[in-house]
Amino acid sequence: GDTVSFRATDLDIEVVDKAAAMVERAGA
């Protein structure tokens, strides 16, 4: 859509940060 998310973990903590972006092609 118009969002990109960044997910990181050390298996005990997980953080997900979402930000607005111009997405031409969805994917991961």
PDB file of all heavy atoms in Angstrom:
ATOM      1  N   GLY A   1       0.845  -1.201   0.000  1.00  0.00           N
ATOM      2  CA  GLY A   1       0.000   0.000   0.000  1.00  0.00           C
ATOM      3  C   GLY A   1       0.874   1.243   0.000  1.00  0.00           C
ATOM      4  O   GLY A   1       1.698   1.439  -0.890  1.00  0.00           O
ATOM      5  N   ASP A   2       0.718   2.094   1.027  1.00  0.00           N
ATOM      6  CA  ASP A   2       1.566   3.287   1.139  1.00  0.00           C
ATOM      7  C   ASP A   2       2.379   3.252   2.428  1.00  0.00           C
ATOM      8  O   ASP A   2       2.739   4.272   2.998  1.00  0.00           O
ATOM      9  CB  ASP A   2       0.711   4.562   1.074  1.00  0.00           C
ATOM     10  CG  ASP A   2      -0.361   4.589   2.153  1.00  0.00           C
ATOM     11  OD1 ASP A   2      -0.441   3.607   2.938  1.00  0.00           O
ATOM     12  OD2 ASP A   2      -1.111   5.581   2.226  1.00  0.00           O
ATOM     13  N   THR A   3       2.639   2.019   2.894  1.00  0.00           N
ATOM     14  CA  THR A   3       3.348   1.840   4.173  1.00  0.00           C
ATOM     15  C   THR A   3       4.483   0.831   4.029  1.00  0.00           C
ATOM     16  O   THR A   3       4.359  -0.152   3.307  1.00  0.00           O
ATOM     17  CB  THR A   3       2.369   1.335   5.262  1.00  0.00           C
ATOM     18  OG1 THR A   3       1.272   2.231   5.354  1.00  0.00           O
ATOM     19  CG2 THR A   3       3.040   1.237   6.622  1.00  0.00           C
ATOM     20  N   VAL A   4       5.571   1.102   4.731  1.00  0.00           N
ATOM     21  CA  VAL A   4       6.650   0.120   4.822  1.00  0.00           C
ATOM     22  C   VAL A   4       6.905  -0.146   6.304  1.00  0.00           C
ATOM     23  O   VAL A   4       6.874   0.776   7.123  1.00  0.00           O
ATOM     24  CB  VAL A   4       7.940   0.602   4.112  1.00  0.00           C
ATOM     25  CG1 VAL A   4       8.440   1.927   4.680  1.00  0.00           C
ATOM     26  CG2 VAL A   4       9.047  -0.443   4.190  1.00  0.00           C
ATOM     27  N   SER A   5       7.076  -1.424   6.664  1.00  0.00           N
ATOM     28  CA  SER A   5       7.346  -1.749   8.071  1.00  0.00           C
ATOM     29  C   SER A   5       8.724  -2.379   8.200  1.00  0.00           C
ATOM     30  O   SER A   5       9.178  -3.099   7.304  1.00  0.00           O
ATOM     31  CB  SER A   5       6.268  -2.671   8.652  1.00  0.00           C
ATOM     32  OG  SER A   5       6.368  -3.953   8.092  1.00  0.00           O
ATOM     33  N   PHE A   6       9.367  -2.085   9.325  1.00  0.00           N
ATOM     34  CA  PHE A   6      10.699  -2.606   9.621  1.00  0.00           C
ATOM     35  C   PHE A   6      10.586  -3.415  10.911  1.00  0.00           C
ATOM     36  O   PHE A   6      10.203  -2.887  11.953  1.00  0.00           O
ATOM     37  CB  PHE A   6      11.701  -1.456   9.798  1.00  0.00           C
ATOM     38  CG  PHE A   6      11.838  -0.602   8.566  1.00  0.00           C
ATOM     39  CD1 PHE A   6      10.943   0.446   8.318  1.00  0.00           C
ATOM     40  CD2 PHE A   6      12.842  -0.848   7.646  1.00  0.00           C
ATOM     41  CE1 PHE A   6      11.050   1.227   7.173  1.00  0.00           C
ATOM     42  CE2 PHE A   6      12.961  -0.072   6.501  1.00  0.00           C
ATOM     43  CZ  PHE A   6      12.064   0.962   6.261  1.00  0.00           C
ATOM     44  N   ARG A   7      10.931  -4.706  10.822  1.00  0.00           N
ATOM     45  CA  ARG A   7      10.772  -5.609  11.972  1.00  0.00           C
ATOM     46  C   ARG A   7      12.132  -6.190  12.353  1.00  0.00           C
ATOM     47  O   ARG A   7      12.866  -6.678  11.497  1.00  0.00           O
ATOM     48  CB  ARG A   7       9.808  -6.734  11.594  1.00  0.00           C
ATOM     49  CG  ARG A   7       9.441  -7.681  12.733  1.00  0.00           C
ATOM     50  CD  ARG A   7       8.596  -8.842  12.219  1.00  0.00           C
ATOM     51  NE  ARG A   7       7.354  -8.406  11.633  1.00  0.00           N
ATOM     52  CZ  ARG A   7       6.169  -8.405  12.257  1.00  0.00           C
ATOM     53  NH1 ARG A   7       6.093  -8.818  13.507  1.00  0.00           N
ATOM     54  NH2 ARG A   7       5.080  -7.998  11.636  1.00  0.00           N
ATOM     55  N   ALA A   8      12.482  -6.121  13.645  1.00  0.00           N
ATOM     56  CA  ALA A   8      13.737  -6.693  14.126  1.00  0.00           C
ATOM     57  C   ALA A   8      13.471  -7.448  15.415  1.00  0.00           C
ATOM     58  O   ALA A   8      12.548  -7.107  16.171  1.00  0.00           O
ATOM     59  CB  ALA A   8      14.773  -5.596  14.363  1.00  0.00           C
ATOM     60  N   THR A   9      14.277  -8.473  15.682  1.00  0.00           N
ATOM     61  CA  THR A   9      14.074  -9.275  16.891  1.00  0.00           C
ATOM     62  C   THR A   9      15.391  -9.886  17.351  1.00  0.00           C
ATOM     63  O   THR A   9      16.303 -10.091  16.548  1.00  0.00           O
ATOM     64  CB  THR A   9      13.037 -10.406  16.651  1.00  0.00           C
ATOM     65  OG1 THR A   9      12.791 -11.089  17.883  1.00  0.00           O
ATOM     66  CG2 THR A   9      13.534 -11.404  15.608  1.00  0.00           C
ATOM     67  N   ASP A  10      15.469 -10.169  18.665  1.00  0.00           N
ATOM     68  CA  ASP A  10      16.577 -10.970  19.192  1.00  0.00           C
ATOM     69  C   ASP A  10      16.020 -12.240  19.834  1.00  0.00           C
ATOM     70  O   ASP A  10      16.682 -12.889  20.635  1.00  0.00           O
ATOM     71  CB  ASP A  10      17.405 -10.165  20.200  1.00  0.00           C
ATOM     72  CG  ASP A  10      16.613  -9.824  21.466  1.00  0.00           C
ATOM     73  OD1 ASP A  10      15.416 -10.171  21.547  1.00  0.00           O
ATOM     74  OD2 ASP A  10      17.200  -9.225  22.399  1.00  0.00           O
ATOM     75  N   LEU A  11      14.783 -12.577  19.478  1.00  0.00           N
ATOM     76  CA  LEU A  11      13.993 -13.713  19.967  1.00  0.00           C
ATOM     77  C   LEU A  11      13.370 -13.463  21.346  1.00  0.00           C
ATOM     78  O   LEU A  11      12.486 -14.200  21.761  1.00  0.00           O
ATOM     79  CB  LEU A  11      14.808 -15.022  19.988  1.00  0.00           C
ATOM     80  CG  LEU A  11      15.324 -15.495  18.625  1.00  0.00           C
ATOM     81  CD1 LEU A  11      16.077 -16.814  18.764  1.00  0.00           C
ATOM     82  CD2 LEU A  11      14.193 -15.644  17.609  1.00  0.00           C
ATOM     83  N   ASP A  12      13.821 -12.423  22.057  1.00  0.00           N
ATOM     84  CA  ASP A  12      13.195 -12.047  23.331  1.00  0.00           C
ATOM     85  C   ASP A  12      12.379 -10.764  23.181  1.00  0.00           C
ATOM     86  O   ASP A  12      11.368 -10.579  23.847  1.00  0.00           O
ATOM     87  CB  ASP A  12      14.251 -11.834  24.425  1.00  0.00           C
ATOM     88  CG  ASP A  12      14.888 -13.142  24.862  1.00  0.00           C
ATOM     89  OD1 ASP A  12      14.167 -14.159  24.912  1.00  0.00           O
ATOM     90  OD2 ASP A  12      16.101 -13.160  25.121  1.00  0.00           O
ATOM     91  N   ILE A  13      12.856  -9.872  22.304  1.00  0.00           N
ATOM     92  CA  ILE A  13      12.161  -8.613  22.029  1.00  0.00           C
ATOM     93  C   ILE A  13      11.919  -8.531  20.526  1.00  0.00           C
ATOM     94  O   ILE A  13      12.773  -8.942  19.743  1.00  0.00           O
ATOM     95  CB  ILE A  13      13.009  -7.386  22.431  1.00  0.00           C
ATOM     96  CG1 ILE A  13      13.424  -7.450  23.902  1.00  0.00           C
ATOM     97  CG2 ILE A  13      12.270  -6.083  22.165  1.00  0.00           C
ATOM     98  CD1 ILE A  13      14.380  -6.336  24.289  1.00  0.00           C
ATOM     99  N   GLU A  14      10.761  -8.001  20.168  1.00  0.00           N
ATOM    100  CA  GLU A  14      10.498  -7.736  18.747  1.00  0.00           C
ATOM    101  C   GLU A  14       9.973  -6.312  18.623  1.00  0.00           C
ATOM    102  O   GLU A  14       9.107  -5.894  19.388  1.00  0.00           O
ATOM    103  CB  GLU A  14       9.461  -8.714  18.199  1.00  0.00           C
ATOM    104  CG  GLU A  14       9.107  -8.461  16.743  1.00  0.00           C
ATOM    105  CD  GLU A  14       7.961  -9.346  16.260  1.00  0.00           C
ATOM    106  OE1 GLU A  14       6.790  -9.019  16.569  1.00  0.00           O
ATOM    107  OE2 GLU A  14       8.241 -10.359  15.604  1.00  0.00           O
ATOM    108  N   VAL A  15      10.537  -5.547  17.675  1.00  0.00           N
ATOM    109  CA  VAL A  15      10.043  -4.196  17.433  1.00  0.00           C
ATOM    110  C   VAL A  15       9.595  -4.096  15.985  1.00  0.00           C
ATOM    111  O   VAL A  15      10.256  -4.619  15.085  1.00  0.00           O
ATOM    112  CB  VAL A  15      11.109  -3.125  17.777  1.00  0.00           C
ATOM    113  CG1 VAL A  15      12.311  -3.204  16.861  1.00  0.00           C
ATOM    114  CG2 VAL A  15      10.517  -1.734  17.752  1.00  0.00           C
ATOM    115  N   VAL A  16       8.438  -3.489  15.772  1.00  0.00           N
ATOM    116  CA  VAL A  16       7.918  -3.256  14.419  1.00  0.00           C
ATOM    117  C   VAL A  16       7.646  -1.763  14.293  1.00  0.00           C
ATOM    118  O   VAL A  16       6.888  -1.194  15.070  1.00  0.00           O
ATOM    119  CB  VAL A  16       6.610  -4.043  14.154  1.00  0.00           C
ATOM    120  CG1 VAL A  16       6.160  -3.838  12.723  1.00  0.00           C
ATOM    121  CG2 VAL A  16       6.792  -5.521  14.440  1.00  0.00           C
ATOM    122  N   ASP A  17       8.302  -1.134  13.315  1.00  0.00           N
ATOM    123  CA  ASP A  17       8.164   0.306  13.104  1.00  0.00           C
ATOM    124  C   ASP A  17       7.573   0.541  11.719  1.00  0.00           C
ATOM    125  O   ASP A  17       8.130   0.090  10.726  1.00  0.00           O
ATOM    126  CB  ASP A  17       9.546   0.963  13.211  1.00  0.00           C
ATOM    127  CG  ASP A  17       9.446   2.442  13.564  1.00  0.00           C
ATOM    128  OD1 ASP A  17       8.466   3.063  13.127  1.00  0.00           O
ATOM    129  OD2 ASP A  17      10.334   2.951  14.249  1.00  0.00           O
ATOM    130  N   LYS A  18       6.441   1.225  11.659  1.00  0.00           N
ATOM    131  CA  LYS A  18       5.784   1.497  10.373  1.00  0.00           C
ATOM    132  C   LYS A  18       6.050   2.935   9.948  1.00  0.00           C
ATOM    133  O   LYS A  18       6.071   3.834  10.789  1.00  0.00           O
ATOM    134  CB  LYS A  18       4.279   1.269  10.484  1.00  0.00           C
ATOM    135  CG  LYS A  18       3.902  -0.187  10.696  1.00  0.00           C
ATOM    136  CD  LYS A  18       2.401  -0.354  10.803  1.00  0.00           C
ATOM    137  CE  LYS A  18       2.054  -1.826  11.021  1.00  0.00           C
ATOM    138  NZ  LYS A  18       0.692  -1.999  11.508  1.00  0.00           N
ATOM    139  N   ALA A  19       6.227   3.127   8.645  1.00  0.00           N
ATOM    140  CA  ALA A  19       6.478   4.475   8.126  1.00  0.00           C
ATOM    141  C   ALA A  19       5.786   4.646   6.785  1.00  0.00           C
ATOM    142  O   ALA A  19       5.563   3.671   6.048  1.00  0.00           O
ATOM    143  CB  ALA A  19       7.981   4.702   7.978  1.00  0.00           C
ATOM    144  N   ALA A  20       5.444   5.898   6.466  1.00  0.00           N
ATOM    145  CA  ALA A  20       4.813   6.194   5.174  1.00  0.00           C
ATOM    146  C   ALA A  20       5.878   6.140   4.071  1.00  0.00           C
ATOM    147  O   ALA A  20       7.009   6.599   4.272  1.00  0.00           O
ATOM    148  CB  ALA A  20       4.167   7.570   5.218  1.00  0.00           C
ATOM    149  N   ALA A  21       5.525   5.584   2.929  1.00  0.00           N
ATOM    150  CA  ALA A  21       6.466   5.486   1.805  1.00  0.00           C
ATOM    151  C   ALA A  21       5.685   5.453   0.500  1.00  0.00           C
ATOM    152  O   ALA A  21       4.485   5.169   0.484  1.00  0.00           O
ATOM    153  CB  ALA A  21       7.324   4.231   1.949  1.00  0.00           C
ATOM    154  N   MET A  22       6.381   5.750  -0.597  1.00  0.00           N
ATOM    155  CA  MET A  22       5.781   5.604  -1.932  1.00  0.00           C
ATOM    156  C   MET A  22       6.171   4.227  -2.450  1.00  0.00           C
ATOM    157  O   MET A  22       7.314   4.009  -2.875  1.00  0.00           O
ATOM    158  CB  MET A  22       6.290   6.709  -2.861  1.00  0.00           C
ATOM    159  CG  MET A  22       5.779   8.084  -2.484  1.00  0.00           C
ATOM    160  SD  MET A  22       6.626   9.407  -3.378  1.00  0.00           S
ATOM    161  CE  MET A  22       8.146   9.557  -2.452  1.00  0.00           C
ATOM    162  N   VAL A  23       5.232   3.288  -2.380  1.00  0.00           N
ATOM    163  CA  VAL A  23       5.519   1.898  -2.755  1.00  0.00           C
ATOM    164  C   VAL A  23       5.131   1.674  -4.217  1.00  0.00           C
ATOM    165  O   VAL A  23       3.962   1.734  -4.576  1.00  0.00           O
ATOM    166  CB  VAL A  23       4.771   0.910  -1.825  1.00  0.00           C
ATOM    167  CG1 VAL A  23       5.060  -0.532  -2.238  1.00  0.00           C
ATOM    168  CG2 VAL A  23       5.148   1.146  -0.369  1.00  0.00           C
ATOM    169  N   GLU A  24       6.128   1.421  -5.057  1.00  0.00           N
ATOM    170  CA  GLU A  24       5.861   1.115  -6.478  1.00  0.00           C
ATOM    171  C   GLU A  24       5.543  -0.359  -6.663  1.00  0.00           C
ATOM    172  O   GLU A  24       4.710  -0.729  -7.481  1.00  0.00           O
ATOM    173  CB  GLU A  24       7.092   1.468  -7.331  1.00  0.00           C
ATOM    174  CG  GLU A  24       7.229   2.949  -7.638  1.00  0.00           C
ATOM    175  CD  GLU A  24       8.424   3.196  -8.546  1.00  0.00           C
ATOM    176  OE1 GLU A  24       8.536   2.507  -9.583  1.00  0.00           O
ATOM    177  OE2 GLU A  24       9.246   4.065  -8.197  1.00  0.00           O
ATOM    178  N   ARG A  25       6.274  -1.197  -5.916  1.00  0.00           N
ATOM    179  CA  ARG A  25       6.063  -2.636  -6.055  1.00  0.00           C
ATOM    180  C   ARG A  25       6.119  -3.242  -4.659  1.00  0.00           C
ATOM    181  O   ARG A  25       7.129  -3.116  -3.954  1.00  0.00           O
ATOM    182  CB  ARG A  25       7.169  -3.226  -6.939  1.00  0.00           C
ATOM    183  CG  ARG A  25       6.883  -4.623  -7.447  1.00  0.00           C
ATOM    184  CD  ARG A  25       7.823  -5.042  -8.582  1.00  0.00           C
ATOM    185  NE  ARG A  25       9.233  -5.057  -8.187  1.00  0.00           N
ATOM    186  CZ  ARG A  25      10.154  -4.287  -8.723  1.00  0.00           C
ATOM    187  NH1 ARG A  25       9.853  -3.404  -9.654  1.00  0.00           N
ATOM    188  NH2 ARG A  25      11.414  -4.372  -8.334  1.00  0.00           N
ATOM    189  N   ALA A  26       5.013  -3.858  -4.224  1.00  0.00           N
ATOM    190  CA  ALA A  26       4.955  -4.463  -2.887  1.00  0.00           C
ATOM    191  C   ALA A  26       5.907  -5.658  -2.815  1.00  0.00           C
ATOM    192  O   ALA A  26       6.254  -6.255  -3.835  1.00  0.00           O
ATOM    193  CB  ALA A  26       3.532  -4.904  -2.567  1.00  0.00           C
ATOM    194  N   GLY A  27       6.319  -5.979  -1.592  1.00  0.00           N
ATOM    195  CA  GLY A  27       7.210  -7.130  -1.422  1.00  0.00           C
ATOM    196  C   GLY A  27       7.886  -7.078  -0.072  1.00  0.00           C
ATOM    197  O   GLY A  27       7.587  -6.216   0.762  1.00  0.00           O
ATOM    198  N   ALA A  28       8.811  -8.025   0.155  1.00  0.00           N
ATOM    199  CA  ALA A  28       9.505  -8.086   1.445  1.00  0.00           C
ATOM    200  C   ALA A  28      10.872  -8.725   1.270  1.00  0.00           C
ATOM    201  O   ALA A  28      11.071  -9.566   0.396  1.00  0.00           O
ATOM    202  CB  ALA A  28       8.684  -8.890   2.448  1.00  0.00           C
TER     203      ALA A  28
END
